[in-house]
N, C-alpha and C. Protein backbone atom coordinates (compact mmCIF):
# COMPACT_ATOMS: atom_id res chain seq x y z
N MET A 1 71.91 172.29 -36.55
CA MET A 1 71.59 170.47 -35.18
C MET A 1 72.45 170.68 -34.37
N SER A 2 71.99 170.16 -33.04
CA SER A 2 73.00 170.53 -32.05
C SER A 2 74.31 169.39 -31.83
N VAL A 3 75.04 169.15 -31.20
CA VAL A 3 76.12 168.15 -31.08
C VAL A 3 75.52 166.86 -30.78
N LYS A 4 74.06 167.25 -29.28
CA LYS A 4 72.80 165.86 -29.03
C LYS A 4 72.43 165.05 -29.99
N ASP A 5 72.04 166.32 -31.03
CA ASP A 5 71.09 165.42 -32.05
C ASP A 5 72.11 164.38 -33.36
N ARG A 6 73.37 164.59 -33.09
CA ARG A 6 74.34 164.26 -33.85
C ARG A 6 74.62 162.73 -33.42
N VAL A 7 74.31 162.92 -31.91
CA VAL A 7 75.06 161.58 -31.27
C VAL A 7 74.67 160.18 -32.27
N PRO A 8 73.32 159.92 -32.12
CA PRO A 8 72.62 158.65 -32.29
C PRO A 8 73.41 158.29 -33.94
N HIS A 9 73.59 159.64 -34.75
CA HIS A 9 74.26 159.22 -35.92
C HIS A 9 75.67 158.51 -35.88
N VAL A 10 76.44 158.91 -35.13
CA VAL A 10 77.58 158.74 -34.67
C VAL A 10 77.80 157.27 -34.06
N LYS A 11 76.92 157.11 -33.11
CA LYS A 11 76.85 155.16 -32.39
C LYS A 11 76.57 154.48 -33.91
N SER A 12 75.49 154.74 -34.25
CA SER A 12 74.97 153.86 -35.39
C SER A 12 76.05 153.72 -36.30
N ARG A 13 76.95 154.56 -37.10
CA ARG A 13 77.75 153.95 -37.65
C ARG A 13 79.24 153.73 -37.01
N ARG A 14 79.18 153.70 -36.15
CA ARG A 14 80.39 153.23 -35.17
C ARG A 14 79.99 151.30 -34.93
N SER A 15 78.77 151.08 -34.38
CA SER A 15 77.97 150.05 -34.31
C SER A 15 77.82 149.60 -36.21
N TYR A 16 77.82 150.14 -36.93
CA TYR A 16 78.16 149.43 -38.02
C TYR A 16 79.57 149.15 -38.46
N ASP A 17 80.22 149.69 -38.11
CA ASP A 17 81.96 149.25 -38.31
C ASP A 17 82.39 148.45 -37.47
N ALA A 18 81.67 148.09 -36.28
CA ALA A 18 82.51 146.88 -35.25
C ALA A 18 81.93 145.96 -36.04
N THR A 19 80.57 146.19 -36.96
CA THR A 19 79.95 144.68 -36.89
C THR A 19 80.54 143.97 -38.21
N LYS A 20 81.03 145.11 -38.80
CA LYS A 20 82.17 144.86 -40.16
C LYS A 20 83.39 144.55 -39.67
N ARG A 21 84.05 144.88 -38.73
CA ARG A 21 85.49 144.46 -38.52
C ARG A 21 84.89 143.07 -37.92
N GLN A 22 83.67 142.50 -36.94
CA GLN A 22 83.50 141.29 -36.16
C GLN A 22 83.15 140.49 -38.08
N GLU A 23 82.53 140.83 -38.64
CA GLU A 23 82.66 139.97 -39.98
C GLU A 23 83.64 139.61 -41.16
N ARG A 24 84.64 140.43 -40.64
CA ARG A 24 86.03 140.17 -41.59
C ARG A 24 86.91 139.34 -40.91
N SER A 25 86.83 139.65 -39.19
CA SER A 25 87.80 138.96 -38.39
C SER A 25 87.02 137.47 -38.42
N ARG A 26 85.84 137.30 -38.80
CA ARG A 26 85.36 135.90 -38.55
C ARG A 26 85.91 134.73 -39.98
N HIS A 27 85.96 135.67 -40.87
CA HIS A 27 86.04 135.65 -42.17
C HIS A 27 87.49 134.97 -42.41
N THR A 28 88.03 135.65 -41.86
CA THR A 28 90.01 135.84 -41.87
C THR A 28 90.15 134.29 -40.86
N HIS A 29 89.65 134.03 -39.56
CA HIS A 29 89.48 132.96 -38.79
C HIS A 29 89.03 131.74 -39.63
N GLU A 30 88.39 132.15 -40.17
CA GLU A 30 87.84 130.62 -41.11
C GLU A 30 88.39 130.31 -42.25
N THR A 31 88.51 131.61 -42.60
CA THR A 31 90.16 131.16 -43.92
C THR A 31 91.00 130.64 -43.17
N LEU A 32 91.64 130.87 -42.51
CA LEU A 32 93.00 130.88 -41.78
C LEU A 32 92.65 129.07 -41.12
N LEU A 33 91.54 128.73 -40.54
CA LEU A 33 91.26 127.27 -39.93
C LEU A 33 91.10 126.17 -40.88
N ASP A 34 90.74 127.07 -42.34
CA ASP A 34 90.54 125.85 -43.40
C ASP A 34 92.00 125.57 -44.09
N ALA A 35 92.38 127.02 -44.15
CA ALA A 35 93.97 126.45 -44.99
C ALA A 35 94.86 125.44 -44.16
N ALA A 36 94.81 125.88 -42.65
CA ALA A 36 95.99 125.11 -41.58
C ALA A 36 95.08 123.10 -41.90
N LEU A 37 94.05 123.36 -41.84
CA LEU A 37 93.51 121.89 -41.71
C LEU A 37 94.03 121.34 -43.33
N GLU A 38 93.79 122.22 -44.54
CA GLU A 38 94.04 121.24 -45.69
C GLU A 38 95.77 120.84 -45.75
N ARG A 39 96.55 121.58 -45.12
CA ARG A 39 98.07 121.56 -45.07
C ARG A 39 98.29 120.41 -43.85
N PHE A 40 97.48 120.19 -42.97
CA PHE A 40 97.76 119.36 -42.15
C PHE A 40 97.47 118.00 -42.46
N ASN A 41 96.12 117.83 -42.80
CA ASN A 41 96.04 116.67 -43.48
C ASN A 41 96.64 115.95 -45.06
N GLU A 42 97.32 117.00 -45.92
CA GLU A 42 98.01 116.76 -46.74
C GLU A 42 99.76 116.56 -46.23
N HIS A 43 100.39 117.08 -45.40
CA HIS A 43 101.68 116.89 -44.95
C HIS A 43 101.74 116.77 -43.74
N GLY A 44 100.67 116.48 -42.83
CA GLY A 44 101.30 116.08 -41.55
C GLY A 44 101.27 117.05 -40.58
N TYR A 45 101.46 117.07 -39.02
CA TYR A 45 101.38 118.22 -38.09
C TYR A 45 103.12 118.78 -38.15
N ALA A 46 103.96 117.92 -37.98
CA ALA A 46 105.33 118.20 -38.20
C ALA A 46 105.66 118.96 -39.65
N ALA A 47 105.40 118.36 -40.60
CA ALA A 47 105.90 119.03 -42.21
C ALA A 47 105.23 120.59 -42.06
N THR A 48 104.06 120.69 -41.77
CA THR A 48 103.50 122.18 -41.65
C THR A 48 104.24 122.87 -41.45
N THR A 49 104.17 124.06 -41.66
CA THR A 49 105.12 125.06 -41.27
C THR A 49 103.78 126.01 -40.90
N ILE A 50 104.25 127.31 -39.86
CA ILE A 50 103.14 128.18 -39.68
C ILE A 50 103.39 129.17 -41.18
N GLU A 51 104.54 129.35 -41.47
CA GLU A 51 104.97 129.78 -42.73
C GLU A 51 104.00 129.27 -43.85
N SER A 52 103.38 128.05 -44.18
CA SER A 52 102.60 127.78 -45.21
C SER A 52 101.35 127.94 -45.05
N ILE A 53 100.97 128.07 -43.82
CA ILE A 53 99.41 128.05 -43.57
C ILE A 53 99.57 129.60 -43.52
N ALA A 54 99.94 130.77 -43.15
CA ALA A 54 100.10 132.02 -43.36
C ALA A 54 99.99 132.27 -45.04
N GLY A 55 101.14 131.51 -45.54
CA GLY A 55 101.07 131.84 -47.34
C GLY A 55 99.51 131.86 -47.97
N ALA A 56 98.57 130.03 -47.84
CA ALA A 56 97.87 130.19 -47.88
C ALA A 56 96.55 130.84 -47.95
N ALA A 57 96.66 131.00 -46.69
CA ALA A 57 95.46 131.91 -45.86
C ALA A 57 95.70 133.66 -45.98
N ASP A 58 96.75 133.96 -46.65
CA ASP A 58 97.37 135.24 -47.08
C ASP A 58 97.08 135.92 -45.92
N VAL A 59 97.28 135.79 -44.85
CA VAL A 59 97.88 136.57 -43.63
C VAL A 59 99.03 136.71 -43.15
N SER A 60 99.85 137.52 -42.37
CA SER A 60 101.13 137.19 -42.12
C SER A 60 101.48 136.03 -40.82
N GLU A 61 102.30 135.55 -41.03
CA GLU A 61 102.78 135.10 -39.53
C GLU A 61 102.46 135.78 -38.06
N ALA A 62 102.62 136.95 -38.29
CA ALA A 62 102.83 137.36 -36.89
C ALA A 62 101.31 137.61 -36.25
N THR A 63 100.26 137.37 -37.73
CA THR A 63 98.94 137.46 -37.28
C THR A 63 98.55 135.75 -36.84
N ILE A 64 99.21 134.68 -37.06
CA ILE A 64 98.94 133.46 -36.75
C ILE A 64 99.57 133.49 -35.68
N TYR A 65 100.69 133.87 -35.11
CA TYR A 65 100.96 133.84 -33.48
C TYR A 65 100.39 134.97 -32.62
N LYS A 66 99.89 135.91 -33.11
CA LYS A 66 99.12 136.86 -32.12
C LYS A 66 98.17 135.95 -31.85
N THR A 67 97.99 135.59 -32.48
CA THR A 67 96.40 134.93 -32.66
C THR A 67 96.22 133.78 -31.59
N TYR A 68 97.02 132.63 -32.22
CA TYR A 68 96.64 131.21 -31.93
C TYR A 68 97.93 131.38 -30.89
N GLY A 69 99.20 131.32 -31.26
CA GLY A 69 100.42 131.00 -30.68
C GLY A 69 101.14 129.76 -31.25
N GLY A 70 101.00 129.49 -31.95
CA GLY A 70 101.88 128.70 -32.57
C GLY A 70 100.80 127.35 -32.95
N LYS A 71 101.20 126.19 -33.67
CA LYS A 71 100.46 125.28 -34.16
C LYS A 71 99.10 124.52 -33.05
N PRO A 72 100.20 124.41 -31.94
CA PRO A 72 98.83 123.89 -31.40
C PRO A 72 97.79 124.37 -31.22
N GLY A 73 97.97 125.69 -30.67
CA GLY A 73 96.84 126.94 -30.89
C GLY A 73 95.77 126.60 -32.31
N ILE A 74 96.22 126.52 -32.97
CA ILE A 74 95.53 126.04 -34.54
C ILE A 74 94.82 125.12 -34.36
N VAL A 75 95.19 123.85 -33.75
CA VAL A 75 94.85 122.59 -33.80
C VAL A 75 93.79 122.57 -32.72
N ARG A 76 94.10 123.44 -31.59
CA ARG A 76 93.00 123.58 -30.98
C ARG A 76 91.81 124.39 -31.03
N ALA A 77 92.15 125.22 -31.82
CA ALA A 77 90.97 125.98 -32.49
C ALA A 77 90.12 125.06 -33.75
N LEU A 78 90.93 124.63 -34.05
CA LEU A 78 89.80 123.61 -35.18
C LEU A 78 89.41 122.68 -34.20
N CYS A 79 89.85 122.30 -33.34
CA CYS A 79 89.12 120.70 -32.66
C CYS A 79 87.67 121.91 -32.06
N VAL A 80 87.98 122.89 -31.51
CA VAL A 80 86.37 123.40 -31.16
C VAL A 80 85.63 123.57 -31.92
N ARG A 81 86.15 124.32 -33.41
CA ARG A 81 85.27 124.24 -34.20
C ARG A 81 84.73 122.70 -35.06
N ALA A 82 85.57 121.98 -34.66
CA ALA A 82 84.68 120.60 -35.52
C ALA A 82 83.83 120.16 -34.28
N LEU A 83 84.01 120.42 -32.98
CA LEU A 83 82.85 119.73 -31.54
C LEU A 83 81.73 120.60 -31.70
N GLY A 84 81.84 121.72 -32.25
CA GLY A 84 80.48 122.07 -32.24
C GLY A 84 79.62 121.57 -33.20
N GLY A 85 79.59 120.77 -34.40
CA GLY A 85 79.60 119.67 -35.07
C GLY A 85 78.41 120.86 -36.43
N ARG A 86 77.21 120.88 -36.93
CA ARG A 86 76.77 121.37 -37.82
C ARG A 86 75.74 122.48 -37.22
N GLY A 87 75.32 123.44 -37.80
CA GLY A 87 74.20 124.42 -37.32
C GLY A 87 74.90 125.08 -36.36
N PRO A 88 73.90 126.01 -36.06
CA PRO A 88 73.84 127.30 -35.53
C PRO A 88 74.13 127.01 -33.61
N VAL A 89 73.64 125.42 -33.76
CA VAL A 89 73.89 125.63 -32.06
C VAL A 89 75.11 124.72 -31.96
N PRO A 90 75.92 124.61 -30.91
CA PRO A 90 76.74 123.58 -30.50
C PRO A 90 76.36 122.39 -30.06
N ALA A 91 76.85 121.39 -30.11
CA ALA A 91 76.74 120.00 -30.19
C ALA A 91 76.51 119.52 -28.85
N GLU A 92 77.58 120.16 -27.93
CA GLU A 92 77.43 120.09 -26.90
C GLU A 92 76.42 120.56 -26.29
N ARG A 93 75.81 121.87 -26.38
CA ARG A 93 74.76 122.27 -25.86
C ARG A 93 73.43 121.72 -26.67
N ARG A 94 73.59 120.89 -27.64
CA ARG A 94 72.32 120.42 -27.96
C ARG A 94 72.33 118.88 -26.73
N SER A 95 73.42 118.53 -26.62
CA SER A 95 73.68 117.21 -25.69
C SER A 95 72.91 117.82 -24.27
N ASP A 96 73.37 119.21 -23.84
CA ASP A 96 72.78 119.29 -22.54
C ASP A 96 71.16 119.56 -22.54
N ALA A 97 70.79 120.42 -23.84
CA ALA A 97 69.81 120.25 -23.62
C ALA A 97 68.81 119.03 -23.68
N LEU A 98 69.21 117.96 -24.59
CA LEU A 98 68.59 116.84 -24.74
C LEU A 98 68.71 115.79 -22.90
N LYS A 99 69.21 116.38 -22.11
CA LYS A 99 69.60 116.00 -20.91
C LYS A 99 68.39 116.39 -19.88
N ALA A 100 68.36 117.52 -20.62
CA ALA A 100 67.51 118.39 -19.39
C ALA A 100 65.69 118.33 -19.92
N THR A 101 65.23 117.98 -21.48
CA THR A 101 64.14 117.91 -22.08
C THR A 101 63.80 116.09 -21.88
N GLU A 102 64.89 115.01 -22.18
CA GLU A 102 63.81 113.44 -22.04
C GLU A 102 64.24 113.09 -21.05
N ALA A 103 62.76 112.39 -20.73
CA ALA A 103 62.74 111.68 -19.38
C ALA A 103 63.90 110.07 -19.55
N ASP A 104 63.34 109.64 -21.04
CA ASP A 104 64.22 108.47 -20.98
C ASP A 104 65.55 108.22 -21.75
N PRO A 105 66.19 107.93 -20.67
CA PRO A 105 67.67 107.30 -20.81
C PRO A 105 68.67 106.56 -22.07
N ARG A 106 67.58 106.02 -22.57
CA ARG A 106 67.54 105.14 -23.76
C ARG A 106 67.61 106.37 -25.05
N LYS A 107 66.59 107.16 -24.92
CA LYS A 107 66.51 108.27 -25.97
C LYS A 107 67.50 109.27 -25.52
N VAL A 108 67.93 109.54 -25.05
CA VAL A 108 69.25 110.18 -24.54
C VAL A 108 70.48 109.85 -24.94
N ILE A 109 70.65 108.50 -24.92
CA ILE A 109 71.66 107.86 -25.61
C ILE A 109 71.93 107.86 -26.97
N GLU A 110 70.35 107.68 -27.57
CA GLU A 110 70.48 107.31 -28.63
C GLU A 110 71.16 108.89 -29.27
N GLY A 111 70.01 110.03 -28.60
CA GLY A 111 70.67 111.41 -29.18
C GLY A 111 72.29 111.38 -29.10
N TRP A 112 72.81 111.26 -28.17
CA TRP A 112 74.46 111.03 -28.12
C TRP A 112 74.64 109.94 -29.16
N GLY A 113 74.52 109.19 -30.06
CA GLY A 113 75.38 108.42 -30.62
C GLY A 113 74.83 109.54 -31.66
N ARG A 114 73.49 109.68 -31.63
CA ARG A 114 73.72 110.99 -33.33
C ARG A 114 74.36 111.99 -33.28
N LEU A 115 74.92 112.84 -32.40
CA LEU A 115 75.77 113.80 -32.23
C LEU A 115 77.56 113.05 -32.32
N THR A 116 77.31 112.00 -31.67
CA THR A 116 78.68 111.16 -31.94
C THR A 116 79.06 111.47 -33.27
N ALA A 117 78.29 110.63 -34.09
CA ALA A 117 78.01 110.16 -35.29
C ALA A 117 78.58 111.73 -36.00
N GLU A 118 77.78 112.85 -36.16
CA GLU A 118 78.14 114.45 -36.26
C GLU A 118 79.17 114.89 -35.95
N VAL A 119 79.56 114.15 -34.87
CA VAL A 119 81.05 115.09 -34.66
C VAL A 119 82.35 114.84 -34.90
N ALA A 120 82.41 113.33 -35.22
CA ALA A 120 83.28 112.40 -35.04
C ALA A 120 84.06 112.41 -36.10
N PRO A 121 83.24 112.71 -37.82
CA PRO A 121 84.13 112.74 -38.76
C PRO A 121 84.54 114.60 -38.68
N ARG A 122 84.53 115.36 -38.13
CA ARG A 122 85.19 116.29 -38.04
C ARG A 122 86.42 116.63 -37.14
N VAL A 123 86.18 116.08 -36.15
CA VAL A 123 87.38 116.14 -34.78
C VAL A 123 88.25 114.69 -35.15
N ALA A 124 87.48 113.77 -34.99
CA ALA A 124 88.65 112.32 -35.03
C ALA A 124 90.05 112.73 -35.88
N PRO A 125 89.82 113.14 -37.30
CA PRO A 125 91.19 112.98 -38.08
C PRO A 125 91.69 114.05 -37.31
N ILE A 126 91.34 115.04 -36.72
CA ILE A 126 92.69 116.40 -36.11
C ILE A 126 92.91 115.81 -35.04
N LEU A 127 92.38 115.10 -34.39
CA LEU A 127 93.04 114.37 -33.16
C LEU A 127 94.15 113.04 -33.14
N LEU A 128 93.42 112.72 -34.04
CA LEU A 128 94.33 111.18 -34.64
C LEU A 128 95.65 112.02 -35.17
N LEU A 129 95.80 112.81 -35.86
CA LEU A 129 96.98 113.41 -36.39
C LEU A 129 97.60 114.34 -35.35
N LEU A 130 97.00 114.56 -34.03
CA LEU A 130 97.96 115.26 -33.33
C LEU A 130 98.23 114.25 -32.16
N SER A 131 97.82 113.04 -32.17
CA SER A 131 98.32 112.07 -31.81
C SER A 131 99.54 111.12 -32.01
N ASP A 132 99.61 111.26 -33.61
CA ASP A 132 100.87 110.73 -34.23
C ASP A 132 101.67 111.51 -34.15
N ALA A 133 101.56 112.64 -33.87
CA ALA A 133 102.95 114.29 -33.75
C ALA A 133 103.39 113.92 -32.27
N ALA A 134 102.31 113.62 -31.22
CA ALA A 134 102.82 113.87 -30.04
C ALA A 134 104.28 112.80 -29.63
N ALA A 135 104.61 111.99 -30.25
CA ALA A 135 105.49 110.84 -30.07
C ALA A 135 106.88 111.66 -30.13
N GLY A 136 106.62 112.61 -30.95
CA GLY A 136 108.04 113.12 -31.17
C GLY A 136 108.10 115.23 -31.03
N ASP A 137 107.36 115.06 -30.80
CA ASP A 137 106.53 117.19 -30.10
C ASP A 137 106.23 117.24 -28.99
N ALA A 138 106.33 117.65 -28.06
CA ALA A 138 106.24 118.21 -26.76
C ALA A 138 105.15 118.94 -26.62
N ALA A 139 104.98 119.79 -27.77
CA ALA A 139 103.67 120.85 -27.49
C ALA A 139 102.68 119.97 -27.94
N ALA A 140 103.18 119.27 -29.03
CA ALA A 140 101.51 118.08 -29.45
C ALA A 140 101.13 117.30 -28.26
N ALA A 141 102.08 116.73 -27.72
CA ALA A 141 101.90 115.73 -26.55
C ALA A 141 101.09 116.34 -25.55
N GLY A 142 101.20 117.29 -24.81
CA GLY A 142 100.63 118.20 -24.40
C GLY A 142 99.11 118.70 -24.37
N LEU A 143 99.09 119.01 -25.52
CA LEU A 143 98.19 119.56 -26.32
C LEU A 143 96.86 118.31 -26.77
N HIS A 144 97.42 117.23 -26.91
CA HIS A 144 96.85 115.93 -27.12
C HIS A 144 96.09 115.41 -25.86
N ALA A 145 96.96 115.36 -24.74
CA ALA A 145 96.72 114.98 -23.57
C ALA A 145 95.39 115.52 -22.87
N GLU A 146 95.66 117.31 -23.50
CA GLU A 146 94.80 118.29 -22.43
C GLU A 146 93.47 117.80 -23.14
N LEU A 147 93.16 117.69 -24.53
CA LEU A 147 91.94 117.25 -25.39
C LEU A 147 91.32 116.08 -24.40
N ASP A 148 92.59 114.80 -24.30
CA ASP A 148 91.48 114.21 -23.91
C ASP A 148 91.03 114.19 -22.29
N ARG A 149 91.93 115.28 -21.47
CA ARG A 149 90.99 115.52 -20.08
C ARG A 149 89.86 115.98 -20.55
N ASP A 150 89.75 117.18 -21.54
CA ASP A 150 88.60 117.74 -21.52
C ASP A 150 87.22 116.72 -22.20
N ARG A 151 87.98 115.46 -22.79
CA ARG A 151 86.38 114.84 -23.25
C ARG A 151 86.06 114.29 -22.21
N LEU A 152 86.95 113.78 -21.67
CA LEU A 152 86.62 112.80 -20.04
C LEU A 152 85.97 113.60 -18.92
N VAL A 153 86.20 115.02 -19.05
CA VAL A 153 85.33 115.75 -18.21
C VAL A 153 83.68 115.75 -18.97
N ARG A 154 83.83 115.86 -19.73
CA ARG A 154 82.41 116.11 -20.98
C ARG A 154 81.77 114.79 -20.57
N MET A 155 82.28 113.57 -20.77
CA MET A 155 81.76 112.42 -20.73
C MET A 155 81.51 111.59 -19.02
N THR A 156 82.22 112.29 -18.08
CA THR A 156 82.08 112.41 -17.15
C THR A 156 80.55 113.34 -16.27
N GLU A 157 80.07 114.09 -17.37
CA GLU A 157 79.27 114.92 -16.79
C GLU A 157 77.80 114.00 -17.18
N ASN A 158 78.11 113.38 -18.39
CA ASN A 158 77.08 112.85 -18.72
C ASN A 158 77.17 111.62 -18.42
N ALA A 159 78.16 110.78 -17.94
CA ALA A 159 77.72 109.71 -16.73
C ALA A 159 77.05 110.37 -15.50
N ARG A 160 77.32 111.51 -14.82
CA ARG A 160 77.01 111.92 -13.95
C ARG A 160 75.46 111.90 -14.09
N TYR A 161 74.87 112.48 -15.02
CA TYR A 161 73.74 112.27 -15.81
C TYR A 161 73.00 110.91 -15.17
N LEU A 162 73.54 109.85 -15.68
CA LEU A 162 73.08 108.89 -15.50
C LEU A 162 72.86 108.08 -14.39
N ALA A 163 74.13 108.68 -13.72
CA ALA A 163 73.90 108.31 -12.27
C ALA A 163 72.87 108.91 -11.69
N ASP A 164 72.65 110.02 -11.37
CA ASP A 164 71.76 111.00 -10.92
C ASP A 164 70.68 110.25 -10.69
N GLY A 165 69.96 109.94 -12.47
CA GLY A 165 68.93 109.92 -12.39
C GLY A 165 68.76 107.94 -12.34
N GLY A 166 69.27 107.53 -11.76
CA GLY A 166 69.48 106.04 -11.06
C GLY A 166 69.37 105.57 -12.28
N HIS A 167 69.92 105.65 -13.34
CA HIS A 167 69.69 104.66 -14.53
C HIS A 167 70.71 103.59 -14.91
N LEU A 168 71.76 103.97 -13.89
CA LEU A 168 72.93 102.77 -14.37
C LEU A 168 72.62 101.26 -13.64
N ARG A 169 73.02 100.54 -14.24
CA ARG A 169 72.56 99.09 -13.56
C ARG A 169 73.69 98.77 -12.19
N THR A 170 73.25 98.54 -11.26
CA THR A 170 73.22 97.87 -10.24
C THR A 170 74.96 97.55 -10.49
N GLY A 171 75.59 98.02 -9.47
CA GLY A 171 77.31 97.26 -9.57
C GLY A 171 77.85 98.53 -10.06
N ILE A 172 77.20 99.16 -11.05
CA ILE A 172 78.67 100.06 -12.01
C ILE A 172 77.85 101.69 -11.41
N GLY A 173 79.52 101.70 -10.99
CA GLY A 173 79.36 103.47 -10.20
C GLY A 173 79.71 104.85 -11.62
N LEU A 174 80.20 105.71 -11.08
CA LEU A 174 80.20 107.12 -12.22
C LEU A 174 81.45 106.69 -12.85
N ALA A 175 82.71 106.52 -11.88
CA ALA A 175 84.00 106.48 -12.74
C ALA A 175 84.10 105.20 -14.02
N HIS A 176 83.70 103.66 -13.78
CA HIS A 176 83.11 103.10 -15.02
C HIS A 176 82.34 103.80 -15.79
N ALA A 177 81.33 103.86 -15.55
CA ALA A 177 80.21 104.58 -16.63
C ALA A 177 81.20 105.93 -17.53
N SER A 178 81.86 106.39 -16.73
CA SER A 178 82.78 107.52 -17.61
C SER A 178 83.55 107.08 -18.48
N ASP A 179 84.64 105.62 -18.23
CA ASP A 179 85.43 105.61 -18.90
C ASP A 179 84.42 104.31 -19.77
N VAL A 180 83.60 104.14 -19.96
CA VAL A 180 82.74 103.85 -20.99
C VAL A 180 82.68 104.68 -22.07
N LEU A 181 81.94 105.51 -21.45
CA LEU A 181 81.50 107.09 -22.43
C LEU A 181 82.75 107.53 -22.98
N TRP A 182 83.61 107.73 -22.48
CA TRP A 182 84.76 108.23 -22.93
C TRP A 182 85.66 106.98 -23.97
N THR A 183 85.32 106.07 -23.73
CA THR A 183 86.05 104.96 -24.77
C THR A 183 85.04 105.05 -26.10
N TYR A 184 84.11 105.29 -25.62
CA TYR A 184 82.87 105.11 -26.99
C TYR A 184 83.00 106.04 -27.58
N SER A 185 83.39 107.25 -27.41
CA SER A 185 83.47 109.14 -28.14
C SER A 185 85.06 109.12 -28.29
N SER A 186 85.91 107.68 -28.16
CA SER A 186 86.89 108.11 -28.95
C SER A 186 87.48 108.18 -30.15
N PRO A 187 88.38 109.17 -31.19
CA PRO A 187 88.37 109.16 -32.45
C PRO A 187 89.18 107.64 -32.64
N GLU A 188 89.96 106.79 -32.18
CA GLU A 188 90.08 105.63 -32.48
C GLU A 188 88.80 104.89 -32.63
N VAL A 189 87.85 104.56 -32.01
CA VAL A 189 87.07 103.97 -32.37
C VAL A 189 86.12 104.19 -33.53
N PHE A 190 86.10 105.46 -33.92
CA PHE A 190 85.54 106.32 -35.40
C PHE A 190 86.08 105.85 -36.53
N ASP A 191 87.92 105.73 -36.30
CA ASP A 191 88.86 105.23 -37.28
C ASP A 191 88.74 103.96 -37.37
N LEU A 192 88.48 103.55 -36.56
CA LEU A 192 88.54 102.07 -36.52
C LEU A 192 87.15 101.35 -37.68
N LEU A 193 86.27 101.70 -37.34
CA LEU A 193 84.76 101.46 -37.72
C LEU A 193 84.49 102.09 -38.83
N VAL A 194 84.59 103.10 -39.21
CA VAL A 194 84.43 103.73 -40.00
C VAL A 194 85.34 104.37 -41.20
N ARG A 195 86.40 104.78 -40.68
CA ARG A 195 87.50 104.66 -42.06
C ARG A 195 88.32 103.72 -42.26
N GLN A 196 88.26 102.63 -41.31
CA GLN A 196 88.81 101.48 -41.86
C GLN A 196 88.11 100.41 -42.09
N ARG A 197 86.85 99.85 -41.46
CA ARG A 197 85.80 99.40 -42.24
C ARG A 197 84.69 99.13 -42.68
N GLY A 198 84.62 101.00 -43.17
CA GLY A 198 84.08 101.25 -44.33
C GLY A 198 82.51 101.42 -43.52
N TRP A 199 82.45 101.34 -42.06
CA TRP A 199 81.07 101.87 -41.59
C TRP A 199 79.98 102.94 -42.11
N SER A 200 79.15 102.78 -42.16
CA SER A 200 77.81 104.27 -42.78
C SER A 200 78.04 104.66 -40.91
N LEU A 201 78.02 106.20 -41.13
CA LEU A 201 77.52 107.03 -40.27
C LEU A 201 76.77 106.62 -39.57
N ARG A 202 75.13 106.13 -40.21
CA ARG A 202 74.37 105.66 -39.09
C ARG A 202 74.72 104.59 -38.33
N ARG A 203 75.12 103.10 -39.12
CA ARG A 203 75.33 102.06 -38.43
C ARG A 203 76.20 102.72 -37.39
N TYR A 204 77.40 103.44 -37.60
CA TYR A 204 78.10 103.85 -36.61
C TYR A 204 77.30 104.34 -34.93
N SER A 205 76.64 105.41 -35.21
CA SER A 205 75.94 105.88 -34.32
C SER A 205 74.90 104.87 -33.76
N ARG A 206 74.19 104.06 -34.56
CA ARG A 206 73.58 102.84 -33.69
C ARG A 206 74.38 102.14 -32.99
N PHE A 207 75.44 101.77 -32.93
CA PHE A 207 76.47 100.95 -32.32
C PHE A 207 76.96 101.54 -31.31
N ILE A 208 77.47 102.65 -31.25
CA ILE A 208 77.79 103.71 -30.07
C ILE A 208 76.68 103.76 -29.22
N ALA A 209 75.34 104.41 -29.54
CA ALA A 209 74.10 104.19 -28.63
C ALA A 209 73.70 102.55 -28.18
N GLY A 210 74.09 101.97 -28.89
CA GLY A 210 73.34 100.52 -28.53
C GLY A 210 74.55 100.02 -27.70
N SER A 211 75.51 100.11 -27.87
CA SER A 211 76.71 99.57 -27.01
C SER A 211 76.56 100.28 -25.51
N ILE A 212 76.55 101.36 -25.36
CA ILE A 212 76.58 102.23 -24.36
C ILE A 212 75.40 101.92 -23.52
N VAL A 213 74.02 101.77 -24.02
CA VAL A 213 72.70 100.94 -23.20
C VAL A 213 73.20 99.67 -22.52
N ALA A 214 74.11 98.82 -23.55
CA ALA A 214 74.68 97.81 -22.98
C ALA A 214 75.62 97.12 -21.98
N ALA A 215 76.12 98.14 -21.72
CA ALA A 215 76.83 98.73 -20.98
C ALA A 215 76.57 98.97 -19.57
N LEU A 216 75.61 99.81 -19.73
CA LEU A 216 75.64 100.35 -18.38
C LEU A 216 74.53 100.92 -17.87
N LEU A 217 73.26 100.46 -19.16
CA LEU A 217 71.76 100.92 -18.35
C LEU A 217 71.22 99.36 -17.46
């Protein structure tokens, strides 16, 4: 057999090895994030150490620092995972698809309400934890501000969809619509209504959608 004849077999083996490495990497990533989230929920942001996360995830501290840079990087990764919601298609992409395919702005907003109720239980506790830590930790404060800005950018894009489609009520501009969407997507609203007042996620979803429609359309 010539060298040329053997090349496809070598490539196939390399592709198989690469796939296995990627699977191991994803498993390690998920295990580490699960361990970090458990530690943060149990002990808070400040009291949770990289050492304790590494021990729980059975990885080295050096691996965590190399991959995430420290606790702020872990929290950022937790938020990215949480914002994806459930299923293989991230919530943000489903929101974009809704805007692209649905003509009725009320149905789009109802979809936003459902997506908010899907994502909030996952991301709001992390953001509230970070908010509490921000008072005494400069890195946590910086990340909290960054994530807040990111959410405002996303809500501004949604507000622009309403504005460009001529759906906003007379006298309501882009900035005002952005602020309304930013407010109703906040972790604080979820905390007040669902965690403190015991609302169901369905009731919360309908409240978010109805409030946005009443405020903007």
